[in-house]
C-alpha atoms as a PDB file:
ATOM      1  CA  MET A   1       9.763  29.797  15.799  1.00  0.00           C
ATOM      2  CA  LYS A   2       8.864  29.704  19.314  1.00  0.00           C
ATOM      3  CA  THR A   3       5.140  29.849  18.336  1.00  0.00           C
ATOM      4  CA  CYS A   4       5.395  27.353  15.489  1.00  0.00           C
ATOM      5  CA  ILE A   5       7.089  24.915  17.706  1.00  0.00           C
ATOM      6  CA  GLU A   6       4.289  25.284  20.420  1.00  0.00           C
ATOM      7  CA  VAL A   7       1.393  24.943  17.807  1.00  0.00           C
ATOM      8  CA  GLU A   8       3.085  22.096  15.804  1.00  0.00           C
ATOM      9  CA  SER A   9       3.715  18.982  17.828  1.00  0.00           C
ATOM     10  CA  LEU A  10       7.495  17.692  16.942  1.00  0.00           C
ATOM     11  CA  HIS A  11       8.003  13.986  16.494  1.00  0.00           C
ATOM     12  CA  PRO A  12      10.776  12.326  18.318  1.00  0.00           C
ATOM     13  CA  SER A  13      12.937  12.328  15.329  1.00  0.00           C
ATOM     14  CA  ASP A  14      12.433  16.145  14.077  1.00  0.00           C
ATOM     15  CA  GLU A  15      14.612  18.804  14.354  1.00  0.00           C
ATOM     16  CA  VAL A  16      14.251  22.426  14.272  1.00  0.00           C
ATOM     17  CA  TRP A  17      16.719  24.593  12.320  1.00  0.00           C
ATOM     18  CA  LEU A  18      16.717  28.498  11.701  1.00  0.00           C
ATOM     19  CA  VAL A  19      18.636  29.265   8.476  1.00  0.00           C
ATOM     20  CA  ILE A  20      19.523  32.779   8.082  1.00  0.00           C
ATOM     21  CA  ASP A  21      22.039  35.059   6.195  1.00  0.00           C
ATOM     22  CA  LYS A  22      24.698  37.179   8.079  1.00  0.00           C
ATOM     23  CA  ASP A  23      23.362  40.353   6.333  1.00  0.00           C
ATOM     24  CA  SER A  24      23.359  43.352   8.737  1.00  0.00           C
ATOM     25  CA  TRP A  25      22.252  41.359  11.889  1.00  0.00           C
ATOM     26  CA  ALA A  26      23.461  42.774  14.986  1.00  0.00           C
ATOM     27  CA  GLU A  27      25.767  40.338  16.950  1.00  0.00           C
ATOM     28  CA  GLU A  28      23.491  40.578  19.960  1.00  0.00           C
ATOM     29  CA  HIS A  29      20.647  39.306  17.889  1.00  0.00           C
ATOM     30  CA  LEU A  30      22.691  36.504  16.330  1.00  0.00           C
ATOM     31  CA  LEU A  31      23.824  35.823  19.723  1.00  0.00           C
ATOM     32  CA  MET A  32      20.156  35.290  20.825  1.00  0.00           C
ATOM     33  CA  LEU A  33      19.490  32.820  17.842  1.00  0.00           C
ATOM     34  CA  PHE A  34      22.668  30.724  18.724  1.00  0.00           C
ATOM     35  CA  GLU A  35      21.596  30.578  22.495  1.00  0.00           C
ATOM     36  CA  TRP A  36      18.042  29.435  21.072  1.00  0.00           C
ATOM     37  CA  SER A  37      19.784  26.826  19.054  1.00  0.00           C
ATOM     38  CA  LYS A  38      21.457  25.369  22.163  1.00  0.00           C
ATOM     39  CA  LYS A  39      18.310  24.902  24.264  1.00  0.00           C
ATOM     40  CA  SER A  40      17.877  21.383  22.586  1.00  0.00           C
ATOM     41  CA  GLU A  41      19.904  19.268  20.479  1.00  0.00           C
ATOM     42  CA  LYS A  42      16.844  19.250  18.354  1.00  0.00           C
ATOM     43  CA  TYR A  43      17.437  22.593  17.603  1.00  0.00           C
ATOM     44  CA  GLY A  44      20.044  24.300  14.996  1.00  0.00           C
ATOM     45  CA  LEU A  45      21.196  27.336  13.529  1.00  0.00           C
ATOM     46  CA  ALA A  46      22.959  27.557   9.945  1.00  0.00           C
ATOM     47  CA  MET A  47      23.962  30.843   8.637  1.00  0.00           C
ATOM     48  CA  SER A  48      25.799  31.994   5.666  1.00  0.00           C
ATOM     49  CA  ASN A  49      28.012  35.055   5.547  1.00  0.00           C
ATOM     50  CA  PRO A  50      27.417  37.138   3.455  1.00  0.00           C
ATOM     51  CA  LYS A  51      24.150  35.592   2.453  1.00  0.00           C
ATOM     52  CA  PHE A  52      22.545  32.182   1.549  1.00  0.00           C
ATOM     53  CA  GLU A  53      23.770  32.513  -2.041  1.00  0.00           C
ATOM     54  CA  TYR A  54      27.260  31.741  -0.843  1.00  0.00           C
ATOM     55  CA  TRP A  55      26.121  28.117   0.129  1.00  0.00           C
ATOM     56  CA  LEU A  56      24.780  27.591  -3.358  1.00  0.00           C
ATOM     57  CA  LEU A  57      27.803  28.979  -4.924  1.00  0.00           C
ATOM     58  CA  LEU A  58      29.985  26.526  -3.132  1.00  0.00           C
ATOM     59  CA  HIS A  59      27.977  23.571  -5.214  1.00  0.00           C
ATOM     60  CA  PHE A  60      29.986  25.105  -8.116  1.00  0.00           C
ATOM     61  CA  GLU A  61      33.344  26.494  -6.866  1.00  0.00           C
ATOM     62  CA  ASP A  62      35.377  27.277  -3.644  1.00  0.00           C
ATOM     63  CA  GLY A  63      33.928  30.617  -3.035  1.00  0.00           C
ATOM     64  CA  TYR A  64      37.189  31.904  -2.230  1.00  0.00           C
ATOM     65  CA  GLY A  65      37.544  35.828  -2.618  1.00  0.00           C
ATOM     66  CA  VAL A  66      33.918  36.784  -1.969  1.00  0.00           C
ATOM     67  CA  SER A  67      33.904  39.687   0.205  1.00  0.00           C
ATOM     68  CA  ASN A  68      30.054  40.949   0.009  1.00  0.00           C
ATOM     69  CA  GLY A  69      26.555  39.929  -1.097  1.00  0.00           C
ATOM     70  CA  LYS A  70      26.843  41.788  -4.493  1.00  0.00           C
ATOM     71  CA  GLU A  71      30.095  39.823  -5.380  1.00  0.00           C
ATOM     72  CA  CYS A  72      28.497  36.514  -4.248  1.00  0.00           C
ATOM     73  CA  THR A  73      25.350  36.996  -6.529  1.00  0.00           C
ATOM     74  CA  THR A  74      27.486  38.034  -9.430  1.00  0.00           C
ATOM     75  CA  ARG A  75      29.738  34.811  -9.056  1.00  0.00           C
ATOM     76  CA  LEU A  76      26.693  32.812  -8.707  1.00  0.00           C
ATOM     77  CA  LYS A  77      25.173  34.180 -11.775  1.00  0.00           C
ATOM     78  CA  LYS A  78      28.262  32.582 -13.794  1.00  0.00           C
ATOM     79  CA  TYR A  79      26.533  29.235 -13.090  1.00  0.00           C
ATOM     80  CA  LEU A  80      22.733  30.186 -12.810  1.00  0.00           C
ATOM     81  CA  PRO A  81      22.466  33.017 -15.043  1.00  0.00           C
ATOM     82  CA  GLU A  82      18.683  33.403 -14.610  1.00  0.00           C
ATOM     83  CA  TYR A  83      19.052  33.166 -10.808  1.00  0.00           C
ATOM     84  CA  ASP A  84      16.806  35.707  -8.936  1.00  0.00           C
ATOM     85  CA  LYS A  85      16.425  33.943  -5.463  1.00  0.00           C
ATOM     86  CA  SER A  86      15.071  30.808  -7.365  1.00  0.00           C
ATOM     87  CA  PHE A  87      16.311  28.078  -9.699  1.00  0.00           C
ATOM     88  CA  ASP A  88      15.518  24.678 -10.773  1.00  0.00           C
ATOM     89  CA  PRO A  89      16.775  22.487  -8.125  1.00  0.00           C
ATOM     90  CA  ARG A  90      17.053  19.495 -10.340  1.00  0.00           C
ATOM     91  CA  ILE A  91      20.223  20.909 -11.487  1.00  0.00           C
ATOM     92  CA  ILE A  92      21.994  20.211  -8.115  1.00  0.00           C
ATOM     93  CA  THR A  93      23.399  16.876  -8.219  1.00  0.00           C
ATOM     94  CA  LYS A  94      24.296  14.705  -5.074  1.00  0.00           C
ATOM     95  CA  ILE A  95      28.132  15.125  -6.222  1.00  0.00           C
ATOM     96  CA  MET A  96      27.535  18.919  -6.339  1.00  0.00           C
ATOM     97  CA  ILE A  97      26.241  18.683  -2.631  1.00  0.00           C
ATOM     98  CA  ASP A  98      28.983  16.454  -1.510  1.00  0.00           C
ATOM     99  CA  LYS A  99      31.454  19.015  -3.081  1.00  0.00           C
ATOM    100  CA  ALA A 100      29.520  21.988  -1.460  1.00  0.00           C
ATOM    101  CA  ILE A 101      29.767  20.398   2.211  1.00  0.00           C
ATOM    102  CA  GLU A 102      33.532  19.524   1.613  1.00  0.00           C
ATOM    103  CA  ARG A 103      34.005  23.274   0.545  1.00  0.00           C
ATOM    104  CA  ALA A 104      32.050  24.641   3.399  1.00  0.00           C
ATOM    105  CA  GLN A 105      33.913  22.598   5.843  1.00  0.00           C
ATOM    106  CA  LYS A 106      37.275  23.341   4.399  1.00  0.00           C
ATOM    107  CA  ASN A 107      36.180  27.192   4.472  1.00  0.00           C
ATOM    108  CA  ASP A 108      35.106  26.761   8.113  1.00  0.00           C
ATOM    109  CA  THR A 109      38.590  27.339   9.327  1.00  0.00           C
ATOM    110  CA  SER A 110      37.752  28.800  12.529  1.00  0.00           C
ATOM    111  CA  PHE A 111      35.387  26.148  13.252  1.00  0.00           C
ATOM    112  CA  CYS A 112      33.489  28.777  15.183  1.00  0.00           C
ATOM    113  CA  GLU A 113      30.535  26.837  16.867  1.00  0.00           C
ATOM    114  CA  LYS A 114      28.344  30.126  16.779  1.00  0.00           C
ATOM    115  CA  TRP A 115      28.493  31.189  12.957  1.00  0.00           C
ATOM    116  CA  PRO A 116      30.903  31.981  10.335  1.00  0.00           C
ATOM    117  CA  LEU A 117      32.790  35.215  11.257  1.00  0.00           C
ATOM    118  CA  LYS A 118      34.206  35.683   7.855  1.00  0.00           C
ATOM    119  CA  THR A 119      32.904  34.525   4.595  1.00  0.00           C
ATOM    120  CA  GLY A 120      31.283  31.080   4.948  1.00  0.00           C
ATOM    121  CA  SER A 121      28.509  28.929   5.549  1.00  0.00           C
ATOM    122  CA  THR A 122      27.301  26.439   8.278  1.00  0.00           C
ATOM    123  CA  VAL A 123      24.319  25.285   6.164  1.00  0.00           C
ATOM    124  CA  TYR A 124      26.511  22.261   5.392  1.00  0.00           C
ATOM    125  CA  ARG A 125      26.016  21.110   9.247  1.00  0.00           C
ATOM    126  CA  LEU A 126      22.097  20.861   8.421  1.00  0.00           C
ATOM    127  CA  ILE A 127      22.593  19.180   5.102  1.00  0.00           C
ATOM    128  CA  GLN A 128      24.855  16.687   6.860  1.00  0.00           C
ATOM    129  CA  ARG A 129      21.838  15.958   9.359  1.00  0.00           C
ATOM    130  CA  ILE A 130      19.494  15.421   6.695  1.00  0.00           C
ATOM    131  CA  CYS A 131      21.626  13.243   4.556  1.00  0.00           C
ATOM    132  CA  ASN A 132      22.549  10.873   7.651  1.00  0.00           C
END
């Protein structure tokens, strides 16, 4: 990301976000990413725990009870049966995005500034920035 920022010139209105899964990242590495994101108000970190598919799942349901990546994918496939790291994004409506944001905020009970310590997603923070 640092190299990309150096090579590409950012416009005054540009922001740079890292969007990651929790997966098996060591806490020390996550902390490095978080610290990077705090170096500028133009930087952000959005993370889904256990994985990005949890953010997608929130477009369809509350996501309660998801405890691991496999369960997350299984639940998502109820709504997107052919899902395999891609899908037709046109099926996602503005109403679904609004519901996903609402659900993610509701699940962000710790309001952890860094990242979701339990199942959750802070991707909604990025989406809110895009939509505003």
